[in-house]
Amino acid sequence: MRHLLPVLALSIALTACTAVPTIDPSPTAIPSPTVTPSPTVTPSPTVDPADLVTSTFVHLEDLQKVADDAGGSRATGTEGYAGSLAYAERVLTAAGFTVTRQEAEAPGRRPPADEPGAIVPVVNLIAEGPAAPSGRVVMLGAHLDSVGAGPGINDNASGVALTLALAEQLAAEDGAAGLRVALWDAEELGLLGSGAYLRGLAPDEVGRISAYINLDMVASPNGLVGIYGDGPARRALEQPLRDRGRDYEGVSIDGASDHAWFDGQGISVAGLYTGAGESLSAAESEVFGGTADAARDVCYHRACDTVASVDTPEVRSRLLVIADASLQGLRTLLGEVQG
């Protein structure tokens, strides 16, 4: 997740039948009464959210290994990013999605003075489920890159890992029609991958996006359960939290993650978030546990952002809540486009 970005505005660039004989009924025949069957309601498949948490941590361990094998980072343009891209591509292909790499160039900034003018090559991963009858899509996204300082396990392998686990589950229950998964490059350089993606869509393609769900930093060691966004996307995520009596808090992360581009196009966006370098307040610690006045993630953008720093009972407990709400919310949104 970026430290801070202004609200973003985006200008989309145009870029042979056999007849059945008729039999006259007997004049004494009495027709059978017509029976109207009762409508069948198909319940949502049952899945233990703990299984989603387990799957998420399997993916986290694998992404940690990718970083370890690449010198400790998964940043844009590095061997670690290439390994992360290849890993996610294998997982989503195995789950039955049609997976493509989107290569583009994005305007960036030149270090060390942080001046505009650089051109940054980006590679996003886009995975499509079967088409929905409505032709509309629900997008689920997370940024795949880390900062250069570390492996980026909370920021944002956690969002990627949960995204992969959710995609696998929805595909396994034949519920992925209309789902488009996006793993973004270069979020840490200024939301470049998601911006390049939207610039490459024609207006009618943008109009087919029903909602966008963003997962960025969902395993903060001293975190909370935060929700942001508005409209149908937020309501879909929030309702399961309310139905189950979960503690959560509305948060604002402004333009600090990839949902900002979609929000700028009038697409309903929402996301779940556990915190970055900001402090957990005393009131929040009373609700969510943790240490008041300490960073929600002391390893934010540091080399210590590893699996070891996030694999705690508290993180797993919060992640169970987030995974459950995400799955139920996606089922709701996908049900609307599947019609």
C-alpha atoms as a PDB file:
ATOM      1  CA  MET A   1       0.000   0.000   0.000  1.00  0.00           C
ATOM      2  CA  ARG A   2       1.149   3.463  -0.810  1.00  0.00           C
ATOM      3  CA  HIS A   3       1.878   5.887   2.044  1.00  0.00           C
ATOM      4  CA  LEU A   4      -0.447   8.579   0.739  1.00  0.00           C
ATOM      5  CA  LEU A   5      -1.809   9.563  -2.658  1.00  0.00           C
ATOM      6  CA  PRO A   6      -4.273  12.295  -3.680  1.00  0.00           C
ATOM      7  CA  VAL A   7      -7.674  11.308  -4.993  1.00  0.00           C
ATOM      8  CA  LEU A   8      -7.080  10.098  -8.515  1.00  0.00           C
ATOM      9  CA  ALA A   9      -8.969  11.051 -11.672  1.00  0.00           C
ATOM     10  CA  LEU A  10      -8.727   8.928 -14.757  1.00  0.00           C
ATOM     11  CA  SER A  11      -9.379   9.714 -18.395  1.00  0.00           C
ATOM     12  CA  ILE A  12     -10.057   6.505 -20.262  1.00  0.00           C
ATOM     13  CA  ALA A  13      -8.074   6.163 -23.503  1.00  0.00           C
ATOM     14  CA  LEU A  14      -9.935   4.673 -26.469  1.00  0.00           C
ATOM     15  CA  THR A  15      -7.600   2.533 -26.421  1.00  0.00           C
ATOM     16  CA  ALA A  16     -32.968 -31.934 -38.847  1.00  0.00           C
ATOM     17  CA  CYS A  17     -35.804 -32.502 -36.505  1.00  0.00           C
ATOM     18  CA  THR A  18     -38.135 -35.489 -36.521  1.00  0.00           C
ATOM     19  CA  ALA A  19     -41.801 -34.585 -36.323  1.00  0.00           C
ATOM     20  CA  VAL A  20     -43.791 -36.189 -33.523  1.00  0.00           C
ATOM     21  CA  PRO A  21     -47.196 -37.393 -34.746  1.00  0.00           C
ATOM     22  CA  THR A  22     -50.232 -35.833 -33.140  1.00  0.00           C
ATOM     23  CA  ILE A  23     -52.502 -38.261 -31.283  1.00  0.00           C
ATOM     24  CA  ASP A  24     -56.088 -37.216 -30.821  1.00  0.00           C
ATOM     25  CA  PRO A  25     -57.186 -37.826 -27.269  1.00  0.00           C
ATOM     26  CA  SER A  26     -60.045 -40.154 -26.485  1.00  0.00           C
ATOM     27  CA  PRO A  27     -63.276 -38.198 -26.128  1.00  0.00           C
ATOM     28  CA  THR A  28     -63.691 -39.632 -22.640  1.00  0.00           C
ATOM     29  CA  ALA A  29     -60.192 -38.710 -21.517  1.00  0.00           C
ATOM     30  CA  ILE A  30     -60.032 -36.457 -18.472  1.00  0.00           C
ATOM     31  CA  PRO A  31     -56.990 -34.206 -18.496  1.00  0.00           C
ATOM     32  CA  SER A  32     -54.708 -34.374 -15.497  1.00  0.00           C
ATOM     33  CA  PRO A  33     -54.587 -31.230 -13.405  1.00  0.00           C
ATOM     34  CA  THR A  34     -51.603 -28.979 -13.976  1.00  0.00           C
ATOM     35  CA  VAL A  35     -49.277 -28.941 -11.004  1.00  0.00           C
ATOM     36  CA  THR A  36     -47.039 -25.922 -10.586  1.00  0.00           C
ATOM     37  CA  PRO A  37     -43.795 -26.978  -8.903  1.00  0.00           C
ATOM     38  CA  SER A  38     -42.557 -25.020  -5.936  1.00  0.00           C
ATOM     39  CA  PRO A  39     -39.551 -22.869  -6.723  1.00  0.00           C
ATOM     40  CA  THR A  40     -36.262 -24.413  -5.741  1.00  0.00           C
ATOM     41  CA  VAL A  41     -33.926 -22.255  -3.708  1.00  0.00           C
ATOM     42  CA  THR A  42     -30.296 -23.252  -4.023  1.00  0.00           C
ATOM     43  CA  PRO A  43     -28.447 -22.482  -0.804  1.00  0.00           C
ATOM     44  CA  SER A  44     -24.938 -21.118  -0.869  1.00  0.00           C
ATOM     45  CA  PRO A  45     -22.348 -23.872  -0.626  1.00  0.00           C
ATOM     46  CA  THR A  46     -21.016 -24.368   2.867  1.00  0.00           C
ATOM     47  CA  VAL A  47     -17.338 -23.766   3.426  1.00  0.00           C
ATOM     48  CA  ASP A  48     -15.473 -23.418   6.686  1.00  0.00           C
ATOM     49  CA  PRO A  49     -13.747 -20.008   6.658  1.00  0.00           C
ATOM     50  CA  ALA A  50     -10.895 -21.652   8.539  1.00  0.00           C
ATOM     51  CA  ASP A  51     -10.149 -23.589   5.348  1.00  0.00           C
ATOM     52  CA  LEU A  52      -9.788 -20.297   3.500  1.00  0.00           C
ATOM     53  CA  VAL A  53      -7.358 -19.096   6.154  1.00  0.00           C
ATOM     54  CA  THR A  54      -5.351 -22.300   5.810  1.00  0.00           C
ATOM     55  CA  SER A  55      -5.232 -21.878   2.032  1.00  0.00           C
ATOM     56  CA  THR A  56      -4.215 -18.250   2.420  1.00  0.00           C
ATOM     57  CA  PHE A  57      -1.260 -19.180   4.598  1.00  0.00           C
ATOM     58  CA  VAL A  58      -0.181 -21.873   2.139  1.00  0.00           C
ATOM     59  CA  HIS A  59       0.012 -19.175  -0.531  1.00  0.00           C
ATOM     60  CA  LEU A  60       1.814 -16.837   1.871  1.00  0.00           C
ATOM     61  CA  GLU A  61       4.481 -19.442   2.578  1.00  0.00           C
ATOM     62  CA  ASP A  62       4.942 -19.966  -1.152  1.00  0.00           C
ATOM     63  CA  LEU A  63       5.283 -16.235  -1.822  1.00  0.00           C
ATOM     64  CA  GLN A  64       7.763 -15.945   1.033  1.00  0.00           C
ATOM     65  CA  LYS A  65       9.858 -18.627  -0.654  1.00  0.00           C
ATOM     66  CA  VAL A  66       9.667 -16.717  -3.937  1.00  0.00           C
ATOM     67  CA  ALA A  67      11.062 -13.658  -2.176  1.00  0.00           C
ATOM     68  CA  ASP A  68      13.733 -15.646  -0.343  1.00  0.00           C
ATOM     69  CA  ASP A  69      14.920 -17.224  -3.588  1.00  0.00           C
ATOM     70  CA  ALA A  70      15.094 -13.776  -5.220  1.00  0.00           C
ATOM     71  CA  GLY A  71      17.137 -11.964  -2.603  1.00  0.00           C
ATOM     72  CA  GLY A  72      14.364 -10.928  -0.225  1.00  0.00           C
ATOM     73  CA  SER A  73      12.036  -8.755  -2.321  1.00  0.00           C
ATOM     74  CA  ARG A  74       9.148  -9.016  -4.791  1.00  0.00           C
ATOM     75  CA  ALA A  75       9.350  -5.446  -6.096  1.00  0.00           C
ATOM     76  CA  THR A  76       8.338  -4.363  -9.593  1.00  0.00           C
ATOM     77  CA  GLY A  77      10.857  -5.343 -12.247  1.00  0.00           C
ATOM     78  CA  THR A  78      12.725  -7.829 -10.053  1.00  0.00           C
ATOM     79  CA  GLU A  79      13.176 -11.586 -10.130  1.00  0.00           C
ATOM     80  CA  GLY A  80      10.912 -11.715  -7.080  1.00  0.00           C
ATOM     81  CA  TYR A  81       8.069 -10.025  -8.942  1.00  0.00           C
ATOM     82  CA  ALA A  82       8.527 -12.346 -11.932  1.00  0.00           C
ATOM     83  CA  GLY A  83       8.397 -15.339  -9.586  1.00  0.00           C
ATOM     84  CA  SER A  84       5.262 -14.016  -7.865  1.00  0.00           C
ATOM     85  CA  LEU A  85       3.605 -13.477 -11.250  1.00  0.00           C
ATOM     86  CA  ALA A  86       4.450 -17.010 -12.403  1.00  0.00           C
ATOM     87  CA  TYR A  87       3.217 -18.497  -9.115  1.00  0.00           C
ATOM     88  CA  ALA A  88      -0.164 -16.740  -9.229  1.00  0.00           C
ATOM     89  CA  GLU A  89      -0.508 -17.617 -12.915  1.00  0.00           C
ATOM     90  CA  ARG A  90      -0.087 -21.330 -12.106  1.00  0.00           C
ATOM     91  CA  VAL A  91      -2.598 -21.218  -9.245  1.00  0.00           C
ATOM     92  CA  LEU A  92      -5.315 -19.443 -11.223  1.00  0.00           C
ATOM     93  CA  THR A  93      -4.806 -21.572 -14.336  1.00  0.00           C
ATOM     94  CA  ALA A  94      -5.072 -24.744 -12.237  1.00  0.00           C
ATOM     95  CA  ALA A  95      -8.343 -23.405 -10.764  1.00  0.00           C
ATOM     96  CA  GLY A  96      -9.814 -23.130 -14.283  1.00  0.00           C
ATOM     97  CA  PHE A  97      -9.492 -19.425 -15.026  1.00  0.00           C
ATOM     98  CA  THR A  98      -8.393 -18.033 -18.381  1.00  0.00           C
ATOM     99  CA  VAL A  99      -5.249 -16.160 -17.458  1.00  0.00           C
ATOM    100  CA  THR A 100      -3.432 -13.470 -19.422  1.00  0.00           C
ATOM    101  CA  ARG A 101      -0.553 -11.133 -18.743  1.00  0.00           C
ATOM    102  CA  GLN A 102      -1.206  -7.500 -19.547  1.00  0.00           C
ATOM    103  CA  GLU A 103       1.990  -5.690 -20.436  1.00  0.00           C
ATOM    104  CA  ALA A 104       1.894  -1.907 -20.594  1.00  0.00           C
ATOM    105  CA  GLU A 105       3.926   1.209 -19.988  1.00  0.00           C
ATOM    106  CA  ALA A 106       2.899   3.638 -17.288  1.00  0.00           C
ATOM    107  CA  PRO A 107       4.049   7.161 -16.486  1.00  0.00           C
ATOM    108  CA  GLY A 108       6.101   7.093 -13.316  1.00  0.00           C
ATOM    109  CA  ARG A 109       8.582   9.205 -11.381  1.00  0.00           C
ATOM    110  CA  ARG A 110      12.357   9.479 -11.456  1.00  0.00           C
ATOM    111  CA  PRO A 111      14.340   8.842  -8.295  1.00  0.00           C
ATOM    112  CA  PRO A 112      15.920  10.294  -6.275  1.00  0.00           C
ATOM    113  CA  ALA A 113      14.143  13.632  -6.743  1.00  0.00           C
ATOM    114  CA  ASP A 114      10.742  11.983  -7.316  1.00  0.00           C
ATOM    115  CA  GLU A 115      10.199  13.988 -10.497  1.00  0.00           C
ATOM    116  CA  PRO A 116       7.641  13.015 -13.166  1.00  0.00           C
ATOM    117  CA  GLY A 117       8.793  11.774 -16.537  1.00  0.00           C
ATOM    118  CA  ALA A 118       9.845   8.162 -16.118  1.00  0.00           C
ATOM    119  CA  ILE A 119       8.207   5.387 -18.136  1.00  0.00           C
ATOM    120  CA  VAL A 120       7.701   2.212 -16.113  1.00  0.00           C
ATOM    121  CA  PRO A 121       6.973  -1.146 -17.800  1.00  0.00           C
ATOM    122  CA  VAL A 122       4.261  -2.984 -15.867  1.00  0.00           C
ATOM    123  CA  VAL A 123       2.892  -6.527 -16.086  1.00  0.00           C
ATOM    124  CA  ASN A 124      -0.541  -7.201 -14.573  1.00  0.00           C
ATOM    125  CA  LEU A 125      -2.136 -10.644 -14.297  1.00  0.00           C
ATOM    126  CA  ILE A 126      -5.799 -10.864 -15.368  1.00  0.00           C
ATOM    127  CA  ALA A 127      -7.824 -14.061 -14.796  1.00  0.00           C
ATOM    128  CA  GLU A 128     -11.334 -14.527 -16.193  1.00  0.00           C
ATOM    129  CA  GLY A 129     -13.983 -16.943 -14.980  1.00  0.00           C
ATOM    130  CA  PRO A 130     -16.763 -18.123 -17.312  1.00  0.00           C
ATOM    131  CA  ALA A 131     -18.876 -15.340 -18.791  1.00  0.00           C
ATOM    132  CA  ALA A 132     -21.980 -14.343 -16.833  1.00  0.00           C
ATOM    133  CA  PRO A 133     -25.340 -14.219 -18.695  1.00  0.00           C
ATOM    134  CA  SER A 134     -25.520 -10.463 -18.131  1.00  0.00           C
ATOM    135  CA  GLY A 135     -22.121  -9.866 -19.704  1.00  0.00           C
ATOM    136  CA  ARG A 136     -21.105  -7.919 -16.606  1.00  0.00           C
ATOM    137  CA  VAL A 137     -18.177  -8.670 -14.332  1.00  0.00           C
ATOM    138  CA  VAL A 138     -17.238  -8.355 -10.683  1.00  0.00           C
ATOM    139  CA  MET A 139     -13.560  -7.654 -10.179  1.00  0.00           C
ATOM    140  CA  LEU A 140     -11.453  -8.869  -7.267  1.00  0.00           C
ATOM    141  CA  GLY A 141      -8.014  -7.324  -7.081  1.00  0.00           C
ATOM    142  CA  ALA A 142      -4.830  -7.032  -5.063  1.00  0.00           C
ATOM    143  CA  HIS A 143      -1.421  -5.594  -5.803  1.00  0.00           C
ATOM    144  CA  LEU A 144       1.263  -8.205  -6.399  1.00  0.00           C
ATOM    145  CA  ASP A 145       4.384  -6.104  -5.927  1.00  0.00           C
ATOM    146  CA  SER A 146       6.233  -5.321  -2.723  1.00  0.00           C
ATOM    147  CA  VAL A 147       8.549  -2.480  -1.833  1.00  0.00           C
ATOM    148  CA  GLY A 148      12.224  -3.110  -2.430  1.00  0.00           C
ATOM    149  CA  ALA A 149      13.044  -3.251   1.276  1.00  0.00           C
ATOM    150  CA  GLY A 150      11.474  -6.641   1.966  1.00  0.00           C
ATOM    151  CA  PRO A 151       9.281  -9.543   0.875  1.00  0.00           C
ATOM    152  CA  GLY A 152       6.031  -7.648   1.482  1.00  0.00           C
ATOM    153  CA  ILE A 153       4.106 -10.455   3.145  1.00  0.00           C
ATOM    154  CA  ASN A 154       1.440  -8.305   4.768  1.00  0.00           C
ATOM    155  CA  ASP A 155       1.874  -5.620   2.088  1.00  0.00           C
ATOM    156  CA  ASN A 156       0.624  -7.192  -0.022  1.00  0.00           C
ATOM    157  CA  ALA A 157       1.184 -10.946  -0.302  1.00  0.00           C
ATOM    158  CA  SER A 158      -1.644 -11.209   2.256  1.00  0.00           C
ATOM    159  CA  GLY A 159      -4.152  -9.640  -0.156  1.00  0.00           C
ATOM    160  CA  VAL A 160      -2.821 -11.730  -3.043  1.00  0.00           C
ATOM    161  CA  ALA A 161      -2.943 -14.965  -1.040  1.00  0.00           C
ATOM    162  CA  LEU A 162      -6.533 -14.369   0.100  1.00  0.00           C
ATOM    163  CA  THR A 163      -7.521 -13.407  -3.457  1.00  0.00           C
ATOM    164  CA  LEU A 164      -6.099 -16.705  -4.738  1.00  0.00           C
ATOM    165  CA  ALA A 165      -7.865 -18.689  -1.991  1.00  0.00           C
ATOM    166  CA  LEU A 166     -11.202 -16.989  -2.754  1.00  0.00           C
ATOM    167  CA  ALA A 167     -10.825 -17.539  -6.503  1.00  0.00           C
ATOM    168  CA  GLU A 168     -10.045 -21.230  -5.935  1.00  0.00           C
ATOM    169  CA  GLN A 169     -13.093 -21.629  -3.680  1.00  0.00           C
ATOM    170  CA  LEU A 170     -15.514 -19.866  -6.041  1.00  0.00           C
ATOM    171  CA  ALA A 171     -14.243 -21.924  -8.976  1.00  0.00           C
ATOM    172  CA  ALA A 172     -14.571 -25.151  -6.973  1.00  0.00           C
ATOM    173  CA  GLU A 173     -18.237 -24.414  -6.220  1.00  0.00           C
ATOM    174  CA  ASP A 174     -18.958 -23.385  -9.858  1.00  0.00           C
ATOM    175  CA  GLY A 175     -19.598 -19.844  -8.681  1.00  0.00           C
ATOM    176  CA  ALA A 176     -16.965 -17.968 -10.656  1.00  0.00           C
ATOM    177  CA  ALA A 177     -19.085 -16.937 -13.666  1.00  0.00           C
ATOM    178  CA  GLY A 178     -18.575 -13.207 -14.084  1.00  0.00           C
ATOM    179  CA  LEU A 179     -15.522 -13.071 -11.819  1.00  0.00           C
ATOM    180  CA  ARG A 180     -12.422 -11.274 -13.040  1.00  0.00           C
ATOM    181  CA  VAL A 181      -9.342 -11.471 -10.845  1.00  0.00           C
ATOM    182  CA  ALA A 182      -6.644  -8.833 -11.221  1.00  0.00           C
ATOM    183  CA  LEU A 183      -3.205  -8.832  -9.633  1.00  0.00           C
ATOM    184  CA  TRP A 184      -1.596  -5.451 -10.109  1.00  0.00           C
ATOM    185  CA  ASP A 185       1.968  -4.463 -10.781  1.00  0.00           C
ATOM    186  CA  ALA A 186       3.666  -1.317  -9.464  1.00  0.00           C
ATOM    187  CA  GLU A 187       1.122  -0.258  -6.850  1.00  0.00           C
ATOM    188  CA  GLU A 188       4.017   0.789  -4.672  1.00  0.00           C
ATOM    189  CA  LEU A 189       5.243   3.143  -7.413  1.00  0.00           C
ATOM    190  CA  GLY A 190       1.927   5.015  -7.603  1.00  0.00           C
ATOM    191  CA  LEU A 191      -0.880   2.611  -8.541  1.00  0.00           C
ATOM    192  CA  LEU A 192       0.673   2.258 -11.988  1.00  0.00           C
ATOM    193  CA  GLY A 193      -0.558  -1.225 -12.925  1.00  0.00           C
ATOM    194  CA  SER A 194      -4.232  -0.650 -12.165  1.00  0.00           C
ATOM    195  CA  GLY A 195      -4.086   2.746 -13.864  1.00  0.00           C
ATOM    196  CA  ALA A 196      -2.577   1.223 -17.011  1.00  0.00           C
ATOM    197  CA  TYR A 197      -5.294  -1.441 -16.999  1.00  0.00           C
ATOM    198  CA  LEU A 198      -8.142   1.056 -16.923  1.00  0.00           C
ATOM    199  CA  ARG A 199      -6.522   3.274 -19.541  1.00  0.00           C
ATOM    200  CA  GLY A 200      -6.517   0.240 -21.835  1.00  0.00           C
ATOM    201  CA  LEU A 201     -10.280  -0.315 -21.538  1.00  0.00           C
ATOM    202  CA  ALA A 202     -12.844   1.211 -23.888  1.00  0.00           C
ATOM    203  CA  PRO A 203     -15.710   3.049 -22.152  1.00  0.00           C
ATOM    204  CA  ASP A 204     -18.163   0.207 -22.816  1.00  0.00           C
ATOM    205  CA  GLU A 205     -15.743  -2.237 -21.167  1.00  0.00           C
ATOM    206  CA  VAL A 206     -15.475  -0.001 -18.124  1.00  0.00           C
ATOM    207  CA  GLY A 207     -19.272   0.092 -18.012  1.00  0.00           C
ATOM    208  CA  ARG A 208     -19.404  -3.708 -17.757  1.00  0.00           C
ATOM    209  CA  ILE A 209     -17.601  -3.655 -14.392  1.00  0.00           C
ATOM    210  CA  SER A 210     -20.338  -4.005 -11.795  1.00  0.00           C
ATOM    211  CA  ALA A 211     -18.112  -3.721  -8.720  1.00  0.00           C
ATOM    212  CA  TYR A 212     -14.479  -3.849  -7.653  1.00  0.00           C
ATOM    213  CA  ILE A 213     -13.305  -5.476  -4.397  1.00  0.00           C
ATOM    214  CA  ASN A 214      -9.793  -4.579  -3.251  1.00  0.00           C
ATOM    215  CA  LEU A 215      -7.685  -6.590  -0.801  1.00  0.00           C
ATOM    216  CA  ASP A 216      -4.616  -4.722   0.449  1.00  0.00           C
ATOM    217  CA  MET A 217      -2.961  -5.544   3.790  1.00  0.00           C
ATOM    218  CA  VAL A 218      -5.258  -8.027   5.553  1.00  0.00           C
ATOM    219  CA  ALA A 219      -2.754  -9.590   7.994  1.00  0.00           C
ATOM    220  CA  SER A 220      -1.498  -6.756  10.188  1.00  0.00           C
ATOM    221  CA  PRO A 221      -0.111  -8.122  13.487  1.00  0.00           C
ATOM    222  CA  ASN A 222      -1.607  -5.357  15.649  1.00  0.00           C
ATOM    223  CA  GLY A 223      -4.557  -4.644  13.418  1.00  0.00           C
ATOM    224  CA  LEU A 224      -8.294  -4.210  13.249  1.00  0.00           C
ATOM    225  CA  VAL A 225     -11.020  -5.268  10.818  1.00  0.00           C
ATOM    226  CA  GLY A 226     -11.551  -2.207   8.662  1.00  0.00           C
ATOM    227  CA  ILE A 227     -13.923  -1.697   5.733  1.00  0.00           C
ATOM    228  CA  TYR A 228     -13.922   1.078   3.158  1.00  0.00           C
ATOM    229  CA  GLY A 229     -15.839   2.006   0.010  1.00  0.00           C
ATOM    230  CA  ASP A 230     -19.481   2.622  -0.759  1.00  0.00           C
ATOM    231  CA  GLY A 231     -22.523   1.481  -2.702  1.00  0.00           C
ATOM    232  CA  PRO A 232     -23.369  -2.138  -3.520  1.00  0.00           C
ATOM    233  CA  ALA A 233     -19.783  -3.331  -3.119  1.00  0.00           C
ATOM    234  CA  ARG A 234     -19.530  -2.102   0.454  1.00  0.00           C
ATOM    235  CA  ARG A 235     -23.004  -3.336   1.369  1.00  0.00           C
ATOM    236  CA  ALA A 236     -22.104  -6.804   0.066  1.00  0.00           C
ATOM    237  CA  LEU A 237     -19.017  -6.985   2.301  1.00  0.00           C
ATOM    238  CA  GLU A 238     -20.628  -5.340   5.300  1.00  0.00           C
ATOM    239  CA  GLN A 239     -23.796  -7.460   5.486  1.00  0.00           C
ATOM    240  CA  PRO A 240     -22.018 -10.712   6.473  1.00  0.00           C
ATOM    241  CA  LEU A 241     -20.144  -8.835   9.195  1.00  0.00           C
ATOM    242  CA  ARG A 242     -23.441  -7.557  10.589  1.00  0.00           C
ATOM    243  CA  ASP A 243     -25.235 -10.885  10.192  1.00  0.00           C
ATOM    244  CA  ARG A 244     -22.529 -12.652  12.204  1.00  0.00           C
ATOM    245  CA  GLY A 245     -22.175  -9.921  14.801  1.00  0.00           C
ATOM    246  CA  ARG A 246     -18.550  -9.243  13.892  1.00  0.00           C
ATOM    247  CA  ASP A 247     -16.664  -6.234  15.166  1.00  0.00           C
ATOM    248  CA  TYR A 248     -15.466  -3.954  12.387  1.00  0.00           C
ATOM    249  CA  GLU A 249     -14.722  -0.309  11.767  1.00  0.00           C
ATOM    250  CA  GLY A 250     -15.280   1.975   8.815  1.00  0.00           C
ATOM    251  CA  VAL A 251     -11.993   3.373   7.561  1.00  0.00           C
ATOM    252  CA  SER A 252     -10.807   5.697   4.811  1.00  0.00           C
ATOM    253  CA  ILE A 253      -7.617   5.072   2.879  1.00  0.00           C
ATOM    254  CA  ASP A 254      -8.320   7.700   0.226  1.00  0.00           C
ATOM    255  CA  GLY A 255      -6.137   7.177  -2.864  1.00  0.00           C
ATOM    256  CA  ALA A 256      -3.665   4.844  -1.207  1.00  0.00           C
ATOM    257  CA  SER A 257      -4.582   1.654  -3.086  1.00  0.00           C
ATOM    258  CA  ASP A 258      -5.760   0.423  -6.482  1.00  0.00           C
ATOM    259  CA  HIS A 259      -9.489   0.840  -5.845  1.00  0.00           C
ATOM    260  CA  ALA A 260      -9.014   4.595  -6.313  1.00  0.00           C
ATOM    261  CA  TRP A 261      -8.876   4.316 -10.120  1.00  0.00           C
ATOM    262  CA  PHE A 262     -12.169   2.377 -10.192  1.00  0.00           C
ATOM    263  CA  ASP A 263     -13.823   4.773  -7.780  1.00  0.00           C
ATOM    264  CA  GLY A 264     -12.788   7.609 -10.087  1.00  0.00           C
ATOM    265  CA  GLN A 265     -14.761   5.941 -12.889  1.00  0.00           C
ATOM    266  CA  GLY A 266     -17.933   5.725 -10.788  1.00  0.00           C
ATOM    267  CA  ILE A 267     -17.587   1.986 -10.198  1.00  0.00           C
ATOM    268  CA  SER A 268     -18.761   0.765  -6.800  1.00  0.00           C
ATOM    269  CA  VAL A 269     -15.666  -0.171  -4.793  1.00  0.00           C
ATOM    270  CA  ALA A 270     -14.980  -1.660  -1.376  1.00  0.00           C
ATOM    271  CA  GLY A 271     -12.221  -3.368   0.501  1.00  0.00           C
ATOM    272  CA  LEU A 272     -11.150  -4.865   3.798  1.00  0.00           C
ATOM    273  CA  TYR A 273      -8.036  -3.682   5.580  1.00  0.00           C
ATOM    274  CA  THR A 274      -6.222  -4.332   8.860  1.00  0.00           C
ATOM    275  CA  GLY A 275      -3.756  -1.465   8.999  1.00  0.00           C
ATOM    276  CA  ALA A 276      -0.322  -0.229   7.990  1.00  0.00           C
ATOM    277  CA  GLY A 277       2.076   1.956   9.956  1.00  0.00           C
ATOM    278  CA  GLU A 278      -0.618   3.984  11.718  1.00  0.00           C
ATOM    279  CA  SER A 279      -1.200   3.435  15.448  1.00  0.00           C
ATOM    280  CA  LEU A 280      -3.969   1.339  16.956  1.00  0.00           C
ATOM    281  CA  SER A 281      -6.011   3.591  19.214  1.00  0.00           C
ATOM    282  CA  ALA A 282      -6.961   2.727  22.770  1.00  0.00           C
ATOM    283  CA  ALA A 283     -10.620   2.451  21.739  1.00  0.00           C
ATOM    284  CA  GLU A 284      -9.700   0.131  18.870  1.00  0.00           C
ATOM    285  CA  SER A 285      -7.578  -2.065  21.126  1.00  0.00           C
ATOM    286  CA  GLU A 286     -10.583  -2.482  23.427  1.00  0.00           C
ATOM    287  CA  VAL A 287     -12.595  -3.875  20.506  1.00  0.00           C
ATOM    288  CA  PHE A 288     -10.004  -5.760  18.471  1.00  0.00           C
ATOM    289  CA  GLY A 289      -7.339  -6.561  21.054  1.00  0.00           C
ATOM    290  CA  GLY A 290      -3.757  -5.630  20.467  1.00  0.00           C
ATOM    291  CA  THR A 291      -1.509  -2.949  21.876  1.00  0.00           C
ATOM    292  CA  ALA A 292      -2.816   0.598  22.026  1.00  0.00           C
ATOM    293  CA  ASP A 293      -0.658   3.390  20.632  1.00  0.00           C
ATOM    294  CA  ALA A 294       1.543   0.903  18.774  1.00  0.00           C
ATOM    295  CA  ALA A 295       1.768   0.552  15.006  1.00  0.00           C
ATOM    296  CA  ARG A 296      -0.785  -1.757  13.469  1.00  0.00           C
ATOM    297  CA  ASP A 297       2.104  -3.214  11.485  1.00  0.00           C
ATOM    298  CA  VAL A 298       5.522  -2.375  12.887  1.00  0.00           C
ATOM    299  CA  CYS A 299       7.118  -4.078   9.858  1.00  0.00           C
ATOM    300  CA  TYR A 300       5.258  -1.982   7.276  1.00  0.00           C
ATOM    301  CA  HIS A 301       7.582  -1.423   4.286  1.00  0.00           C
ATOM    302  CA  ARG A 302      10.468  -3.065   6.133  1.00  0.00           C
ATOM    303  CA  ALA A 303      12.570  -6.209   5.703  1.00  0.00           C
ATOM    304  CA  CYS A 304      10.790  -7.825   8.679  1.00  0.00           C
ATOM    305  CA  ASP A 305       7.448  -7.974   6.783  1.00  0.00           C
ATOM    306  CA  THR A 306       7.669 -11.778   6.643  1.00  0.00           C
ATOM    307  CA  VAL A 307       5.421 -14.767   7.310  1.00  0.00           C
ATOM    308  CA  ALA A 308       7.006 -15.027  10.750  1.00  0.00           C
ATOM    309  CA  SER A 309       5.717 -11.548  11.610  1.00  0.00           C
ATOM    310  CA  VAL A 310       2.106 -12.242  10.595  1.00  0.00           C
ATOM    311  CA  ASP A 311       1.553 -15.905  11.543  1.00  0.00           C
ATOM    312  CA  THR A 312      -0.076 -15.352  14.930  1.00  0.00           C
ATOM    313  CA  PRO A 313      -3.387 -16.541  16.434  1.00  0.00           C
ATOM    314  CA  GLU A 314      -4.654 -12.951  16.414  1.00  0.00           C
ATOM    315  CA  VAL A 315      -3.919 -12.447  12.723  1.00  0.00           C
ATOM    316  CA  ARG A 316      -5.512 -15.785  11.846  1.00  0.00           C
ATOM    317  CA  SER A 317      -8.612 -14.835  13.851  1.00  0.00           C
ATOM    318  CA  ARG A 318      -9.029 -11.513  12.035  1.00  0.00           C
ATOM    319  CA  LEU A 319      -8.269 -13.131   8.698  1.00  0.00           C
ATOM    320  CA  LEU A 320     -11.057 -15.664   9.291  1.00  0.00           C
ATOM    321  CA  VAL A 321     -13.537 -12.788   9.663  1.00  0.00           C
ATOM    322  CA  ILE A 322     -12.202 -11.057   6.551  1.00  0.00           C
ATOM    323  CA  ALA A 323     -12.136 -14.240   4.457  1.00  0.00           C
ATOM    324  CA  ASP A 324     -15.715 -15.102   5.415  1.00  0.00           C
ATOM    325  CA  ALA A 325     -17.037 -11.608   4.669  1.00  0.00           C
ATOM    326  CA  SER A 326     -15.142 -11.515   1.373  1.00  0.00           C
ATOM    327  CA  LEU A 327     -16.520 -14.863   0.205  1.00  0.00           C
ATOM    328  CA  GLN A 328     -20.107 -14.057   1.174  1.00  0.00           C
ATOM    329  CA  GLY A 329     -19.854 -10.584  -0.344  1.00  0.00           C
ATOM    330  CA  LEU A 330     -18.470 -11.907  -3.611  1.00  0.00           C
ATOM    331  CA  ARG A 331     -21.241 -14.508  -3.785  1.00  0.00           C
ATOM    332  CA  THR A 332     -23.795 -11.710  -3.417  1.00  0.00           C
ATOM    333  CA  LEU A 333     -22.238  -9.513  -6.097  1.00  0.00           C
ATOM    334  CA  LEU A 334     -21.665 -12.408  -8.491  1.00  0.00           C
ATOM    335  CA  GLY A 335     -25.229 -13.617  -7.970  1.00  0.00           C
ATOM    336  CA  GLU A 336     -26.434 -10.271  -9.302  1.00  0.00           C
ATOM    337  CA  VAL A 337     -24.418 -10.489 -12.534  1.00  0.00           C
ATOM    338  CA  GLN A 338     -25.152 -14.206 -12.970  1.00  0.00           C
ATOM    339  CA  GLY A 339     -28.868 -13.408 -12.821  1.00  0.00           C
END
